[in-house]
């Protein structure tokens, strides 16, 4: 079973922050980077991603 993970993304345009929760961090960040998900990334773009485990 995968554990839930909280992640943070930043907008390319103005630095707006997005906080998400997922149990598949690598897959979810990839979805944001590829624009697969309508919503934050479609509206603001993704500056980059940084993965951290705690």
PDB file of N, CA and C in Angstrom:
ATOM      1  N   UNK A   1       0.838  -1.183   0.000  1.00  0.00           N
ATOM      2  CA  UNK A   1       0.000   0.000   0.000  1.00  0.00           C
ATOM      3  C   UNK A   1       0.883   1.247   0.000  1.00  0.00           C
ATOM      4  N   UNK A   2       0.550   2.183  -0.847  1.00  0.00           N
ATOM      5  CA  UNK A   2       1.305   3.432  -0.910  1.00  0.00           C
ATOM      6  C   UNK A   2       0.796   4.401   0.147  1.00  0.00           C
ATOM      7  N   UNK A   3       1.705   5.177   0.681  1.00  0.00           N
ATOM      8  CA  UNK A   3       1.346   6.176   1.690  1.00  0.00           C
ATOM      9  C   UNK A   3       0.969   7.486   1.024  1.00  0.00           C
ATOM     10  N   UNK A   4       0.048   8.239   1.607  1.00  0.00           N
ATOM     11  CA  UNK A   4      -0.286   9.553   1.059  1.00  0.00           C
ATOM     12  C   UNK A   4       0.899  10.508   1.165  1.00  0.00           C
ATOM     13  N   UNK A   5       0.980  11.412   0.224  1.00  0.00           N
ATOM     14  CA  UNK A   5       2.079  12.371   0.182  1.00  0.00           C
ATOM     15  C   UNK A   5       1.519  13.740  -0.189  1.00  0.00           C
ATOM     16  N   UNK A   6       2.019  14.771   0.454  1.00  0.00           N
ATOM     17  CA  UNK A   6       1.645  16.153   0.139  1.00  0.00           C
ATOM     18  C   UNK A   6       2.729  16.725  -0.766  1.00  0.00           C
ATOM     19  N   UNK A   7       2.332  17.428  -1.836  1.00  0.00           N
ATOM     20  CA  UNK A   7       3.309  18.028  -2.744  1.00  0.00           C
ATOM     21  C   UNK A   7       2.943  19.474  -3.024  1.00  0.00           C
ATOM     22  N   UNK A   8       3.924  20.228  -3.482  1.00  0.00           N
ATOM     23  CA  UNK A   8       3.775  21.661  -3.726  1.00  0.00           C
ATOM     24  C   UNK A   8       4.285  21.976  -5.124  1.00  0.00           C
ATOM     25  N   UNK A   9       3.507  22.724  -5.902  1.00  0.00           N
ATOM     26  CA  UNK A   9       3.912  23.188  -7.229  1.00  0.00           C
ATOM     27  C   UNK A   9       3.818  24.708  -7.260  1.00  0.00           C
ATOM     28  N   UNK A  10       4.598  25.328  -8.134  1.00  0.00           N
ATOM     29  CA  UNK A  10       4.565  26.786  -8.284  1.00  0.00           C
ATOM     30  C   UNK A  10       4.249  27.149  -9.732  1.00  0.00           C
ATOM     31  N   UNK A  11       3.512  28.232  -9.913  1.00  0.00           N
ATOM     32  CA  UNK A  11       3.144  28.733 -11.228  1.00  0.00           C
ATOM     33  C   UNK A  11       4.341  29.366 -11.922  1.00  0.00           C
ATOM     34  N   UNK A  12       4.451  29.162 -13.227  1.00  0.00           N
ATOM     35  CA  UNK A  12       5.498  29.820 -14.024  1.00  0.00           C
ATOM     36  C   UNK A  12       5.272  31.319 -14.085  1.00  0.00           C
ATOM     37  N   UNK A  13       4.024  31.703 -14.185  1.00  0.00           N
ATOM     38  CA  UNK A  13       3.696  33.107 -14.431  1.00  0.00           C
ATOM     39  C   UNK A  13       3.919  34.010 -13.231  1.00  0.00           C
ATOM     40  N   UNK A  14       3.369  33.621 -12.089  1.00  0.00           N
ATOM     41  CA  UNK A  14       3.413  34.555 -10.959  1.00  0.00           C
ATOM     42  C   UNK A  14       3.772  33.913  -9.625  1.00  0.00           C
ATOM     43  N   UNK A  15       4.183  32.664  -9.636  1.00  0.00           N
ATOM     44  CA  UNK A  15       4.596  32.015  -8.395  1.00  0.00           C
ATOM     45  C   UNK A  15       3.451  31.516  -7.533  1.00  0.00           C
ATOM     46  N   UNK A  16       2.219  31.522  -8.053  1.00  0.00           N
ATOM     47  CA  UNK A  16       1.090  30.989  -7.294  1.00  0.00           C
ATOM     48  C   UNK A  16       1.388  29.555  -6.894  1.00  0.00           C
ATOM     49  N   UNK A  17       1.108  29.218  -5.651  1.00  0.00           N
ATOM     50  CA  UNK A  17       1.413  27.886  -5.144  1.00  0.00           C
ATOM     51  C   UNK A  17       0.194  26.978  -5.186  1.00  0.00           C
ATOM     52  N   UNK A  18       0.444  25.696  -5.427  1.00  0.00           N
ATOM     53  CA  UNK A  18      -0.588  24.666  -5.438  1.00  0.00           C
ATOM     54  C   UNK A  18      -0.142  23.562  -4.499  1.00  0.00           C
ATOM     55  N   UNK A  19      -1.016  23.149  -3.608  1.00  0.00           N
ATOM     56  CA  UNK A  19      -0.718  22.050  -2.699  1.00  0.00           C
ATOM     57  C   UNK A  19      -1.653  20.903  -3.049  1.00  0.00           C
ATOM     58  N   UNK A  20      -1.083  19.718  -3.244  1.00  0.00           N
ATOM     59  CA  UNK A  20      -1.876  18.549  -3.572  1.00  0.00           C
ATOM     60  C   UNK A  20      -1.514  17.372  -2.686  1.00  0.00           C
ATOM     61  N   UNK A  21      -2.369  16.358  -2.713  1.00  0.00           N
ATOM     62  CA  UNK A  21      -2.142  15.128  -1.962  1.00  0.00           C
ATOM     63  C   UNK A  21      -2.358  13.966  -2.919  1.00  0.00           C
ATOM     64  N   UNK A  22      -1.462  12.991  -2.883  1.00  0.00           N
ATOM     65  CA  UNK A  22      -1.569  11.822  -3.743  1.00  0.00           C
ATOM     66  C   UNK A  22      -0.886  10.630  -3.089  1.00  0.00           C
ATOM     67  N   UNK A  23      -1.206   9.443  -3.557  1.00  0.00           N
ATOM     68  CA  UNK A  23      -0.495   8.249  -3.096  1.00  0.00           C
ATOM     69  C   UNK A  23       0.489   7.775  -4.171  1.00  0.00           C
ATOM     70  N   UNK A  24       0.534   8.483  -5.296  1.00  0.00           N
ATOM     71  CA  UNK A  24       1.471   8.168  -6.379  1.00  0.00           C
ATOM     72  C   UNK A  24       2.160   9.472  -6.786  1.00  0.00           C
ATOM     73  N   UNK A  25       3.131   9.894  -6.016  1.00  0.00           N
ATOM     74  CA  UNK A  25       3.750  11.209  -6.195  1.00  0.00           C
ATOM     75  C   UNK A  25       4.408  11.377  -7.561  1.00  0.00           C
ATOM     76  N   UNK A  26       5.226  10.448  -7.967  1.00  0.00           N
ATOM     77  CA  UNK A  26       5.929  10.581  -9.247  1.00  0.00           C
ATOM     78  C   UNK A  26       4.938  10.651 -10.404  1.00  0.00           C
ATOM     79  N   UNK A  27       3.931   9.791 -10.389  1.00  0.00           N
ATOM     80  CA  UNK A  27       2.920   9.804 -11.443  1.00  0.00           C
ATOM     81  C   UNK A  27       2.118  11.092 -11.467  1.00  0.00           C
ATOM     82  N   UNK A  28       1.775  11.598 -10.307  1.00  0.00           N
ATOM     83  CA  UNK A  28       0.963  12.819 -10.233  1.00  0.00           C
ATOM     84  C   UNK A  28       1.750  14.042 -10.691  1.00  0.00           C
ATOM     85  N   UNK A  29       2.998  14.146 -10.289  1.00  0.00           N
ATOM     86  CA  UNK A  29       3.832  15.268 -10.738  1.00  0.00           C
ATOM     87  C   UNK A  29       4.011  15.200 -12.250  1.00  0.00           C
ATOM     88  N   UNK A  30       4.207  14.006 -12.793  1.00  0.00           N
ATOM     89  CA  UNK A  30       4.320  13.840 -14.247  1.00  0.00           C
ATOM     90  C   UNK A  30       3.051  14.343 -14.927  1.00  0.00           C
ATOM     91  N   UNK A  31       1.877  14.002 -14.371  1.00  0.00           N
ATOM     92  CA  UNK A  31       0.614  14.473 -14.947  1.00  0.00           C
ATOM     93  C   UNK A  31       0.559  15.999 -14.979  1.00  0.00           C
ATOM     94  N   UNK A  32       0.974  16.631 -13.914  1.00  0.00           N
ATOM     95  CA  UNK A  32       0.993  18.101 -13.879  1.00  0.00           C
ATOM     96  C   UNK A  32       1.960  18.652 -14.930  1.00  0.00           C
ATOM     97  N   UNK A  33       3.154  18.087 -15.016  1.00  0.00           N
ATOM     98  CA  UNK A  33       4.164  18.585 -15.962  1.00  0.00           C
ATOM     99  C   UNK A  33       3.731  18.406 -17.413  1.00  0.00           C
ATOM    100  N   UNK A  34       2.970  17.345 -17.705  1.00  0.00           N
ATOM    101  CA  UNK A  34       2.515  17.067 -19.065  1.00  0.00           C
ATOM    102  C   UNK A  34       1.208  17.780 -19.409  1.00  0.00           C
ATOM    103  N   UNK A  35       0.583  18.402 -18.425  1.00  0.00           N
ATOM    104  CA  UNK A  35      -0.679  19.099 -18.669  1.00  0.00           C
ATOM    105  C   UNK A  35      -1.861  18.166 -18.831  1.00  0.00           C
ATOM    106  N   UNK A  36      -1.736  16.943 -18.336  1.00  0.00           N
ATOM    107  CA  UNK A  36      -2.799  15.949 -18.447  1.00  0.00           C
ATOM    108  C   UNK A  36      -4.038  16.374 -17.663  1.00  0.00           C
ATOM    109  N   UNK A  37      -3.837  17.046 -16.572  1.00  0.00           N
ATOM    110  CA  UNK A  37      -4.935  17.437 -15.676  1.00  0.00           C
ATOM    111  C   UNK A  37      -5.397  18.850 -15.994  1.00  0.00           C
ATOM    112  N   UNK A  38      -6.666  18.983 -16.239  1.00  0.00           N
ATOM    113  CA  UNK A  38      -7.208  20.335 -16.386  1.00  0.00           C
ATOM    114  C   UNK A  38      -7.274  20.943 -14.995  1.00  0.00           C
ATOM    115  N   UNK A  39      -7.030  22.199 -14.894  1.00  0.00           N
ATOM    116  CA  UNK A  39      -7.071  22.842 -13.579  1.00  0.00           C
ATOM    117  C   UNK A  39      -5.871  23.745 -13.398  1.00  0.00           C
ATOM    118  N   UNK A  40      -5.165  23.582 -12.295  1.00  0.00           N
ATOM    119  CA  UNK A  40      -4.053  24.464 -11.950  1.00  0.00           C
ATOM    120  C   UNK A  40      -3.010  24.540 -13.059  1.00  0.00           C
ATOM    121  N   UNK A  41      -2.514  23.403 -13.527  1.00  0.00           N
ATOM    122  CA  UNK A  41      -1.439  23.450 -14.522  1.00  0.00           C
ATOM    123  C   UNK A  41      -1.917  24.001 -15.857  1.00  0.00           C
ATOM    124  N   UNK A  42      -3.164  23.748 -16.208  1.00  0.00           N
ATOM    125  CA  UNK A  42      -3.698  24.308 -17.450  1.00  0.00           C
ATOM    126  C   UNK A  42      -3.836  25.828 -17.335  1.00  0.00           C
ATOM    127  N   UNK A  43      -4.184  26.286 -16.159  1.00  0.00           N
ATOM    128  CA  UNK A  43      -4.406  27.718 -15.967  1.00  0.00           C
ATOM    129  C   UNK A  43      -3.123  28.492 -15.686  1.00  0.00           C
ATOM    130  N   UNK A  44      -2.239  27.926 -14.861  1.00  0.00           N
ATOM    131  CA  UNK A  44      -1.062  28.658 -14.398  1.00  0.00           C
ATOM    132  C   UNK A  44       0.266  28.127 -14.917  1.00  0.00           C
ATOM    133  N   UNK A  45       0.326  26.896 -15.392  1.00  0.00           N
ATOM    134  CA  UNK A  45       1.596  26.297 -15.789  1.00  0.00           C
ATOM    135  C   UNK A  45       2.364  25.838 -14.559  1.00  0.00           C
ATOM    136  N   UNK A  46       3.361  25.015 -14.768  1.00  0.00           N
ATOM    137  CA  UNK A  46       4.163  24.495 -13.657  1.00  0.00           C
ATOM    138  C   UNK A  46       5.589  24.975 -13.818  1.00  0.00           C
ATOM    139  N   UNK A  47       6.117  25.598 -12.797  1.00  0.00           N
ATOM    140  CA  UNK A  47       7.488  26.109 -12.808  1.00  0.00           C
ATOM    141  C   UNK A  47       8.492  24.968 -12.773  1.00  0.00           C
ATOM    142  N   UNK A  48       8.217  23.977 -12.012  1.00  0.00           N
ATOM    143  CA  UNK A  48       9.102  22.833 -11.864  1.00  0.00           C
ATOM    144  C   UNK A  48       8.607  22.005 -10.715  1.00  0.00           C
ATOM    145  N   UNK A  49       9.310  20.951 -10.427  1.00  0.00           N
ATOM    146  CA  UNK A  49       8.877  20.108  -9.327  1.00  0.00           C
ATOM    147  C   UNK A  49      10.080  19.689  -8.506  1.00  0.00           C
ATOM    148  N   UNK A  50       9.826  19.482  -7.272  1.00  0.00           N
ATOM    149  CA  UNK A  50      10.848  19.012  -6.355  1.00  0.00           C
ATOM    150  C   UNK A  50      10.201  17.961  -5.475  1.00  0.00           C
ATOM    151  N   UNK A  51      10.804  16.804  -5.407  1.00  0.00           N
ATOM    152  CA  UNK A  51      10.232  15.722  -4.618  1.00  0.00           C
ATOM    153  C   UNK A  51      10.958  15.610  -3.297  1.00  0.00           C
ATOM    154  N   UNK A  52      10.206  15.410  -2.247  1.00  0.00           N
ATOM    155  CA  UNK A  52      10.793  15.232  -0.915  1.00  0.00           C
ATOM    156  C   UNK A  52      10.012  14.160  -0.182  1.00  0.00           C
ATOM    157  N   UNK A  53      10.695  13.385   0.567  1.00  0.00           N
ATOM    158  CA  UNK A  53      10.043  12.355   1.375  1.00  0.00           C
ATOM    159  C   UNK A  53      10.292  12.668   2.829  1.00  0.00           C
ATOM    160  N   UNK A  54       9.283  12.408   3.633  1.00  0.00           N
ATOM    161  CA  UNK A  54       9.449  12.689   5.048  1.00  0.00           C
ATOM    162  C   UNK A  54       8.876  11.630   5.922  1.00  0.00           C
TER     163      UNK A  54
END
